């Protein structure tokens, strides 16, 4: 009996994933044209949309960090970022602690695009989900709220955690180096 429970528990996430896939398939069949229209209007590829979402979530990062998150080569990611810089969706600036490195950050235009896309997607989902009975909507809402709360508490994908960890370590090391350099300059000035 215990074996059956374990097998059932292992199968449960796959079953849930399948149900989510089926649900999203129904929604996309009824509203994918709106999503594609948003991307077409903005002239964005899926990789660029994902990169904008990453920058919204992670804050300023290096091109190599974006490449690792998207699982793209650094040259492909650099080209992707170049196109987004030209479109005004992201900015490229010197790392304040190490001018040899560049930081990529979403601009207000990029943030507005993501927010607008999210609002449009919400309207799409609302239109499709409004065809469900009130009872199903209420049950789904309660369960989905709990799922979202639990998902928020989960860590990011291991690769993303690793990338963010490396970014934070690099920033901390650069800040420490900058502090040591300031102290040494101050000592040299006081000795002169």
C-alpha atoms as a PDB file:
ATOM      1  CA  UNK A   1       0.000   0.000   0.000  1.00  0.00           C
ATOM      2  CA  UNK A   2       2.796   2.432   0.871  1.00  0.00           C
ATOM      3  CA  UNK A   3       4.408   1.803  -2.519  1.00  0.00           C
ATOM      4  CA  UNK A   4       1.198   2.756  -4.298  1.00  0.00           C
ATOM      5  CA  UNK A   5       1.007   6.011  -2.354  1.00  0.00           C
ATOM      6  CA  UNK A   6       4.585   6.872  -3.254  1.00  0.00           C
ATOM      7  CA  UNK A   7       3.976   6.131  -6.914  1.00  0.00           C
ATOM      8  CA  UNK A   8       0.805   8.224  -6.770  1.00  0.00           C
ATOM      9  CA  UNK A   9       2.663  11.134  -5.192  1.00  0.00           C
ATOM     10  CA  UNK A  10       5.383  10.971  -7.835  1.00  0.00           C
ATOM     11  CA  UNK A  11       2.796  10.876 -10.592  1.00  0.00           C
ATOM     12  CA  UNK A  12       0.783  13.767  -9.135  1.00  0.00           C
ATOM     13  CA  UNK A  13       3.062  16.607 -10.339  1.00  0.00           C
ATOM     14  CA  UNK A  14       3.095  15.100 -13.833  1.00  0.00           C
ATOM     15  CA  UNK A  15      -0.694  14.827 -13.777  1.00  0.00           C
ATOM     16  CA  UNK A  16      -1.004  18.438 -12.605  1.00  0.00           C
ATOM     17  CA  UNK A  17       1.447  19.575 -15.275  1.00  0.00           C
ATOM     18  CA  UNK A  18      -0.616  17.786 -17.886  1.00  0.00           C
ATOM     19  CA  UNK A  19      -3.805  19.466 -16.635  1.00  0.00           C
ATOM     20  CA  UNK A  20      -2.125  22.880 -16.712  1.00  0.00           C
ATOM     21  CA  UNK A  21      -0.887  22.178 -20.240  1.00  0.00           C
ATOM     22  CA  UNK A  22      -4.406  21.202 -21.325  1.00  0.00           C
ATOM     23  CA  UNK A  23      -5.874  24.320 -19.719  1.00  0.00           C
ATOM     24  CA  UNK A  24      -3.280  26.582 -21.356  1.00  0.00           C
ATOM     25  CA  UNK A  25      -3.905  24.878 -24.682  1.00  0.00           C
ATOM     26  CA  UNK A  26      -7.599  25.763 -24.441  1.00  0.00           C
ATOM     27  CA  UNK A  27      -6.771  29.353 -23.483  1.00  0.00           C
ATOM     28  CA  UNK A  28      -4.141  29.770 -26.194  1.00  0.00           C
ATOM     29  CA  UNK A  29      -6.440  28.385 -28.892  1.00  0.00           C
ATOM     30  CA  UNK A  30      -8.924  31.087 -27.978  1.00  0.00           C
ATOM     31  CA  UNK A  31      -6.490  33.964 -27.444  1.00  0.00           C
ATOM     32  CA  UNK A  32      -3.028  33.295 -28.924  1.00  0.00           C
ATOM     33  CA  UNK A  33      -3.649  35.857 -31.646  1.00  0.00           C
ATOM     34  CA  UNK A  34      -3.677  38.619 -29.005  1.00  0.00           C
ATOM     35  CA  UNK A  35      -0.332  37.525 -27.572  1.00  0.00           C
ATOM     36  CA  UNK A  36       1.244  37.301 -31.002  1.00  0.00           C
ATOM     37  CA  UNK A  37      -0.154  40.737 -31.850  1.00  0.00           C
ATOM     38  CA  UNK A  38       1.556  42.234 -28.792  1.00  0.00           C
ATOM     39  CA  UNK A  39       4.877  40.687 -29.771  1.00  0.00           C
ATOM     40  CA  UNK A  40       4.459  41.744 -33.406  1.00  0.00           C
ATOM     41  CA  UNK A  41       3.550  45.313 -32.451  1.00  0.00           C
ATOM     42  CA  UNK A  42       6.670  45.532 -30.321  1.00  0.00           C
ATOM     43  CA  UNK A  43       8.794  43.630 -32.867  1.00  0.00           C
ATOM     44  CA  UNK A  44       9.911  41.178 -30.189  1.00  0.00           C
ATOM     45  CA  UNK A  45      10.998  37.581 -30.338  1.00  0.00           C
ATOM     46  CA  UNK A  46      10.100  35.125 -27.585  1.00  0.00           C
ATOM     47  CA  UNK A  47      13.716  35.211 -26.342  1.00  0.00           C
ATOM     48  CA  UNK A  48      13.539  38.996 -26.023  1.00  0.00           C
ATOM     49  CA  UNK A  49      10.271  38.783 -24.068  1.00  0.00           C
ATOM     50  CA  UNK A  50      11.813  36.242 -21.710  1.00  0.00           C
ATOM     51  CA  UNK A  51      14.907  38.433 -21.313  1.00  0.00           C
ATOM     52  CA  UNK A  52      12.713  41.411 -20.380  1.00  0.00           C
ATOM     53  CA  UNK A  53      10.889  39.295 -17.803  1.00  0.00           C
ATOM     54  CA  UNK A  54      14.252  38.140 -16.406  1.00  0.00           C
ATOM     55  CA  UNK A  55      15.497  41.717 -16.106  1.00  0.00           C
ATOM     56  CA  UNK A  56      12.253  42.707 -14.397  1.00  0.00           C
ATOM     57  CA  UNK A  57      12.776  39.905 -11.883  1.00  0.00           C
ATOM     58  CA  UNK A  58      16.572  39.958 -11.432  1.00  0.00           C
ATOM     59  CA  UNK A  59      17.442  43.617 -11.916  1.00  0.00           C
ATOM     60  CA  UNK A  60      20.611  44.708 -13.740  1.00  0.00           C
ATOM     61  CA  UNK A  61      22.787  41.778 -14.840  1.00  0.00           C
ATOM     62  CA  UNK A  62      25.573  41.027 -17.294  1.00  0.00           C
ATOM     63  CA  UNK A  63      25.057  39.761 -20.835  1.00  0.00           C
ATOM     64  CA  UNK A  64      26.673  36.476 -19.806  1.00  0.00           C
ATOM     65  CA  UNK A  65      24.102  36.067 -17.020  1.00  0.00           C
ATOM     66  CA  UNK A  66      21.268  36.660 -19.479  1.00  0.00           C
ATOM     67  CA  UNK A  67      22.876  34.144 -21.849  1.00  0.00           C
ATOM     68  CA  UNK A  68      23.078  31.520 -19.109  1.00  0.00           C
ATOM     69  CA  UNK A  69      19.448  32.049 -18.080  1.00  0.00           C
ATOM     70  CA  UNK A  70      18.201  31.851 -21.680  1.00  0.00           C
ATOM     71  CA  UNK A  71      20.615  29.033 -22.558  1.00  0.00           C
ATOM     72  CA  UNK A  72      21.909  31.002 -25.533  1.00  0.00           C
ATOM     73  CA  UNK A  73      25.469  31.626 -26.651  1.00  0.00           C
ATOM     74  CA  UNK A  74      27.038  34.902 -25.489  1.00  0.00           C
ATOM     75  CA  UNK A  75      27.262  36.247 -29.088  1.00  0.00           C
ATOM     76  CA  UNK A  76      23.576  35.464 -29.736  1.00  0.00           C
ATOM     77  CA  UNK A  77      22.619  37.078 -26.443  1.00  0.00           C
ATOM     78  CA  UNK A  78      24.758  40.123 -27.177  1.00  0.00           C
ATOM     79  CA  UNK A  79      22.953  40.518 -30.514  1.00  0.00           C
ATOM     80  CA  UNK A  80      19.580  40.070 -28.774  1.00  0.00           C
ATOM     81  CA  UNK A  81      20.523  42.758 -26.226  1.00  0.00           C
ATOM     82  CA  UNK A  82      21.770  45.093 -29.005  1.00  0.00           C
ATOM     83  CA  UNK A  83      18.349  44.928 -30.682  1.00  0.00           C
ATOM     84  CA  UNK A  84      16.606  45.654 -27.368  1.00  0.00           C
ATOM     85  CA  UNK A  85      18.947  48.606 -26.693  1.00  0.00           C
ATOM     86  CA  UNK A  86      18.142  50.043 -30.133  1.00  0.00           C
ATOM     87  CA  UNK A  87      14.416  49.597 -29.396  1.00  0.00           C
ATOM     88  CA  UNK A  88      14.862  51.438 -26.086  1.00  0.00           C
ATOM     89  CA  UNK A  89      13.685  48.466 -24.031  1.00  0.00           C
ATOM     90  CA  UNK A  90      16.942  47.971 -22.114  1.00  0.00           C
ATOM     91  CA  UNK A  91      19.948  50.087 -21.331  1.00  0.00           C
ATOM     92  CA  UNK A  92      23.585  49.111 -21.243  1.00  0.00           C
ATOM     93  CA  UNK A  93      25.805  50.858 -18.736  1.00  0.00           C
ATOM     94  CA  UNK A  94      29.192  50.474 -17.118  1.00  0.00           C
ATOM     95  CA  UNK A  95      29.285  48.519 -13.924  1.00  0.00           C
ATOM     96  CA  UNK A  96      29.857  51.252 -11.308  1.00  0.00           C
ATOM     97  CA  UNK A  97      32.421  49.082  -9.534  1.00  0.00           C
ATOM     98  CA  UNK A  98      34.246  47.763 -12.603  1.00  0.00           C
ATOM     99  CA  UNK A  99      34.035  49.829 -15.787  1.00  0.00           C
ATOM    100  CA  UNK A 100      35.289  46.886 -17.848  1.00  0.00           C
ATOM    101  CA  UNK A 101      31.936  45.167 -17.326  1.00  0.00           C
ATOM    102  CA  UNK A 102      28.546  46.214 -18.668  1.00  0.00           C
ATOM    103  CA  UNK A 103      25.235  45.889 -16.873  1.00  0.00           C
ATOM    104  CA  UNK A 104      21.974  45.388 -18.753  1.00  0.00           C
ATOM    105  CA  UNK A 105      18.896  46.949 -17.164  1.00  0.00           C
ATOM    106  CA  UNK A 106      15.287  47.193 -18.289  1.00  0.00           C
ATOM    107  CA  UNK A 107      14.193  50.752 -19.145  1.00  0.00           C
ATOM    108  CA  UNK A 108      10.879  52.376 -18.266  1.00  0.00           C
ATOM    109  CA  UNK A 109       9.801  51.679 -21.868  1.00  0.00           C
ATOM    110  CA  UNK A 110      10.652  47.986 -21.446  1.00  0.00           C
ATOM    111  CA  UNK A 111       8.892  47.868 -18.090  1.00  0.00           C
ATOM    112  CA  UNK A 112       5.788  49.519 -19.589  1.00  0.00           C
ATOM    113  CA  UNK A 113       5.819  46.949 -22.406  1.00  0.00           C
ATOM    114  CA  UNK A 114       5.957  44.054 -19.929  1.00  0.00           C
ATOM    115  CA  UNK A 115       3.231  45.594 -17.771  1.00  0.00           C
ATOM    116  CA  UNK A 116       1.062  46.233 -20.849  1.00  0.00           C
ATOM    117  CA  UNK A 117       1.630  42.689 -22.082  1.00  0.00           C
ATOM    118  CA  UNK A 118       0.699  41.307 -18.670  1.00  0.00           C
ATOM    119  CA  UNK A 119      -2.468  43.437 -18.594  1.00  0.00           C
ATOM    120  CA  UNK A 120      -3.422  42.268 -22.069  1.00  0.00           C
ATOM    121  CA  UNK A 121      -2.806  38.626 -21.149  1.00  0.00           C
ATOM    122  CA  UNK A 122      -4.949  39.109 -18.037  1.00  0.00           C
ATOM    123  CA  UNK A 123      -7.773  40.424 -20.233  1.00  0.00           C
ATOM    124  CA  UNK A 124      -7.338  37.401 -22.536  1.00  0.00           C
ATOM    125  CA  UNK A 125      -7.508  34.979 -19.623  1.00  0.00           C
ATOM    126  CA  UNK A 126     -10.480  36.848 -18.150  1.00  0.00           C
ATOM    127  CA  UNK A 127     -12.368  36.595 -21.419  1.00  0.00           C
ATOM    128  CA  UNK A 128     -11.748  32.849 -21.685  1.00  0.00           C
ATOM    129  CA  UNK A 129     -12.233  31.997 -18.007  1.00  0.00           C
ATOM    130  CA  UNK A 130     -15.441  34.034 -17.764  1.00  0.00           C
ATOM    131  CA  UNK A 131     -17.143  31.281 -19.761  1.00  0.00           C
ATOM    132  CA  UNK A 132     -16.709  28.905 -16.811  1.00  0.00           C
ATOM    133  CA  UNK A 133     -19.536  28.515 -14.301  1.00  0.00           C
ATOM    134  CA  UNK A 134     -19.406  30.730 -11.215  1.00  0.00           C
ATOM    135  CA  UNK A 135     -18.883  27.699  -9.003  1.00  0.00           C
ATOM    136  CA  UNK A 136     -15.880  26.478 -11.011  1.00  0.00           C
ATOM    137  CA  UNK A 137     -14.436  30.010 -11.094  1.00  0.00           C
ATOM    138  CA  UNK A 138     -14.698  30.273  -7.291  1.00  0.00           C
ATOM    139  CA  UNK A 139     -13.122  26.855  -6.686  1.00  0.00           C
ATOM    140  CA  UNK A 140     -10.380  27.485  -9.226  1.00  0.00           C
ATOM    141  CA  UNK A 141      -9.675  30.918  -7.744  1.00  0.00           C
ATOM    142  CA  UNK A 142      -9.243  29.555  -4.230  1.00  0.00           C
ATOM    143  CA  UNK A 143      -6.948  26.734  -5.324  1.00  0.00           C
ATOM    144  CA  UNK A 144      -4.968  28.922  -7.708  1.00  0.00           C
ATOM    145  CA  UNK A 145      -4.406  31.561  -4.999  1.00  0.00           C
ATOM    146  CA  UNK A 146      -2.930  28.872  -2.758  1.00  0.00           C
ATOM    147  CA  UNK A 147      -0.763  27.538  -5.606  1.00  0.00           C
ATOM    148  CA  UNK A 148       0.575  31.010  -6.398  1.00  0.00           C
ATOM    149  CA  UNK A 149       1.347  31.652  -2.727  1.00  0.00           C
ATOM    150  CA  UNK A 150       3.348  28.408  -2.523  1.00  0.00           C
ATOM    151  CA  UNK A 151       5.109  29.038  -5.845  1.00  0.00           C
ATOM    152  CA  UNK A 152       6.224  32.481  -4.656  1.00  0.00           C
ATOM    153  CA  UNK A 153       7.955  30.807  -1.733  1.00  0.00           C
ATOM    154  CA  UNK A 154       9.897  28.372  -3.912  1.00  0.00           C
ATOM    155  CA  UNK A 155      13.430  29.140  -5.063  1.00  0.00           C
ATOM    156  CA  UNK A 156      14.153  29.915  -8.690  1.00  0.00           C
ATOM    157  CA  UNK A 157      15.506  27.267 -11.037  1.00  0.00           C
ATOM    158  CA  UNK A 158      18.932  26.113  -9.858  1.00  0.00           C
ATOM    159  CA  UNK A 159      20.664  27.705 -12.874  1.00  0.00           C
ATOM    160  CA  UNK A 160      19.040  31.070 -12.133  1.00  0.00           C
ATOM    161  CA  UNK A 161      19.907  30.834  -8.426  1.00  0.00           C
ATOM    162  CA  UNK A 162      23.492  30.043  -9.377  1.00  0.00           C
ATOM    163  CA  UNK A 163      23.674  32.974 -11.799  1.00  0.00           C
ATOM    164  CA  UNK A 164      22.146  35.398  -9.305  1.00  0.00           C
ATOM    165  CA  UNK A 165      24.481  34.081  -6.605  1.00  0.00           C
ATOM    166  CA  UNK A 166      27.517  34.646  -8.826  1.00  0.00           C
ATOM    167  CA  UNK A 167      26.283  38.148  -9.704  1.00  0.00           C
ATOM    168  CA  UNK A 168      25.861  38.985  -6.017  1.00  0.00           C
ATOM    169  CA  UNK A 169      29.279  37.532  -5.139  1.00  0.00           C
ATOM    170  CA  UNK A 170      30.891  39.487  -7.952  1.00  0.00           C
ATOM    171  CA  UNK A 171      29.202  42.717  -6.831  1.00  0.00           C
ATOM    172  CA  UNK A 172      30.251  42.112  -3.217  1.00  0.00           C
ATOM    173  CA  UNK A 173      33.851  41.394  -4.244  1.00  0.00           C
ATOM    174  CA  UNK A 174      33.925  44.485  -6.457  1.00  0.00           C
ATOM    175  CA  UNK A 175      32.506  46.615  -3.630  1.00  0.00           C
ATOM    176  CA  UNK A 176      35.128  45.230  -1.234  1.00  0.00           C
ATOM    177  CA  UNK A 177      37.911  45.925  -3.749  1.00  0.00           C
ATOM    178  CA  UNK A 178      36.625  49.464  -4.251  1.00  0.00           C
ATOM    179  CA  UNK A 179      36.542  50.024  -0.483  1.00  0.00           C
ATOM    180  CA  UNK A 180      40.112  48.729  -0.095  1.00  0.00           C
ATOM    181  CA  UNK A 181      41.261  50.977  -2.949  1.00  0.00           C
ATOM    182  CA  UNK A 182      39.605  54.023  -1.328  1.00  0.00           C
ATOM    183  CA  UNK A 183      41.291  53.233   2.006  1.00  0.00           C
ATOM    184  CA  UNK A 184      44.691  52.775   0.337  1.00  0.00           C
ATOM    185  CA  UNK A 185      44.312  56.065  -1.580  1.00  0.00           C
ATOM    186  CA  UNK A 186      43.353  57.837   1.642  1.00  0.00           C
ATOM    187  CA  UNK A 187      46.412  56.368   3.422  1.00  0.00           C
ATOM    188  CA  UNK A 188      48.707  57.433   0.585  1.00  0.00           C
ATOM    189  CA  UNK A 189      47.282  60.965   0.668  1.00  0.00           C
ATOM    190  CA  UNK A 190      47.693  61.206   4.426  1.00  0.00           C
ATOM    191  CA  UNK A 191      51.311  60.029   4.181  1.00  0.00           C
ATOM    192  CA  UNK A 192      52.161  62.545   1.479  1.00  0.00           C
END
